[in-house]
Amino acid sequence: MQKFIYLKYQSGLITDGFWKQCRHPNYFGELLIYLSFVIMVIETPLWWLPTLILTLFIIAVWIPNMIKIDKSLSRFEEHKSYKEKTAFIIPYIL
């Protein structure tokens, strides 16, 4: 919603709100949801299956898409400094 409202009234690189802490807050939110599913099955014999699927999905789909988004946003002048001071996906960690 923040991205929609922001881009409705001005264009450019979003560097405040959720995007101030993390370059990909939507992926971070999805990661939290999927990790909760993994936590729910952690005590079952097949706990490794959802973990494996999530890991493969992140490697095969999310990371290439996030890199593509970063390349697309590099057209903005402030992107380089924004990239240096914000986390890739997990705020304050990664």
Protein backbone atom coordinates (compact mmCIF):
# COMPACT_ATOMS: atom_id res chain seq x y z
CA MET A 1 0.00 0.00 0.00
CA GLN A 2 2.82 2.42 0.84
CA LYS A 3 4.40 1.91 -2.58
CA PHE A 4 1.07 2.52 -4.34
CA ILE A 5 0.37 5.76 -2.44
CA TYR A 6 3.96 7.00 -2.83
CA LEU A 7 4.10 6.42 -6.58
CA LYS A 8 0.63 7.89 -7.05
CA TYR A 9 1.79 11.32 -5.88
CA GLN A 10 5.48 11.33 -6.81
CA SER A 11 7.86 9.24 -8.85
CA GLY A 12 11.33 8.03 -8.05
CA LEU A 13 13.12 5.76 -5.65
CA ILE A 14 11.25 5.00 -2.41
CA THR A 15 13.68 5.45 0.48
CA ASP A 16 11.40 5.91 3.47
CA GLY A 17 8.97 3.78 5.46
CA PHE A 18 9.51 0.06 4.97
CA TRP A 19 12.04 0.77 2.23
CA LYS A 20 14.25 2.71 4.62
CA GLN A 21 15.20 -0.50 6.44
CA CYS A 22 15.10 -3.05 3.62
CA ARG A 23 15.32 -2.90 -0.18
CA HIS A 24 12.80 -5.74 -0.62
CA PRO A 25 10.19 -5.53 2.18
CA ASN A 26 7.63 -7.55 0.22
CA TYR A 27 10.02 -10.48 -0.06
CA PHE A 28 10.87 -10.11 3.63
CA GLY A 29 7.18 -10.33 4.56
CA GLU A 30 6.73 -13.43 2.42
CA LEU A 31 9.83 -14.96 3.97
CA LEU A 32 8.34 -14.49 7.44
CA ILE A 33 5.11 -16.15 6.34
CA TYR A 34 6.89 -19.15 4.81
CA LEU A 35 9.20 -19.50 7.81
CA SER A 36 6.12 -19.72 10.02
CA PHE A 37 4.98 -22.70 7.93
CA VAL A 38 8.37 -24.33 8.42
CA ILE A 39 8.14 -23.74 12.17
CA MET A 40 4.71 -25.41 12.25
CA VAL A 41 6.11 -28.65 10.80
CA ILE A 42 9.47 -28.61 12.59
CA GLU A 43 8.55 -31.53 14.87
CA THR A 44 7.29 -33.80 12.10
CA PRO A 45 9.48 -36.44 10.43
CA LEU A 46 9.33 -34.58 7.12
CA TRP A 47 10.43 -31.18 8.51
CA TRP A 48 13.23 -31.03 5.96
CA LEU A 49 10.86 -31.07 2.96
CA PRO A 50 9.31 -27.59 3.37
CA THR A 51 12.71 -26.26 4.39
CA LEU A 52 14.25 -27.65 1.21
CA ILE A 53 11.42 -26.33 -0.97
CA LEU A 54 11.65 -22.86 0.57
CA THR A 55 15.43 -22.78 0.18
CA LEU A 56 15.26 -23.86 -3.47
CA PHE A 57 12.50 -21.33 -4.16
CA ILE A 58 14.54 -18.52 -2.62
CA ILE A 59 17.64 -19.47 -4.60
CA ALA A 60 15.87 -20.12 -7.92
CA VAL A 61 13.22 -17.40 -7.93
CA TRP A 62 13.60 -14.70 -5.30
CA ILE A 63 17.31 -13.91 -5.49
CA PRO A 64 17.37 -13.56 -9.31
CA ASN A 65 14.26 -11.34 -9.15
CA MET A 66 15.75 -9.18 -6.41
CA ILE A 67 18.96 -8.75 -8.41
CA LYS A 68 16.90 -7.83 -11.48
CA ILE A 69 14.96 -5.25 -9.44
CA ASP A 70 18.21 -3.75 -8.11
CA LYS A 71 19.58 -3.46 -11.65
CA SER A 72 16.38 -1.76 -12.75
CA LEU A 73 16.50 0.71 -9.86
CA SER A 74 20.14 1.56 -10.54
CA ARG A 75 18.91 4.13 -13.06
CA PHE A 76 18.19 6.47 -10.14
CA GLU A 77 21.11 8.63 -8.99
CA GLU A 78 20.52 8.00 -5.30
CA HIS A 79 20.34 4.20 -5.69
CA LYS A 80 24.03 3.60 -4.96
CA SER A 81 23.96 5.40 -1.60
CA TYR A 82 20.56 3.84 -0.79
CA LYS A 83 21.95 0.38 -1.56
CA GLU A 84 24.94 0.93 0.75
CA LYS A 85 22.85 1.89 3.79
CA THR A 86 19.90 -0.53 3.54
CA ALA A 87 19.68 -4.28 4.01
CA PHE A 88 19.11 -6.55 1.03
CA ILE A 89 16.18 -8.48 2.50
CA ILE A 90 16.36 -8.83 6.31
CA PRO A 91 16.54 -5.46 8.10
CA TYR A 92 19.70 -4.91 10.21
CA ILE A 93 21.07 -8.36 9.26
CA LEU A 94 21.26 -9.17 5.55
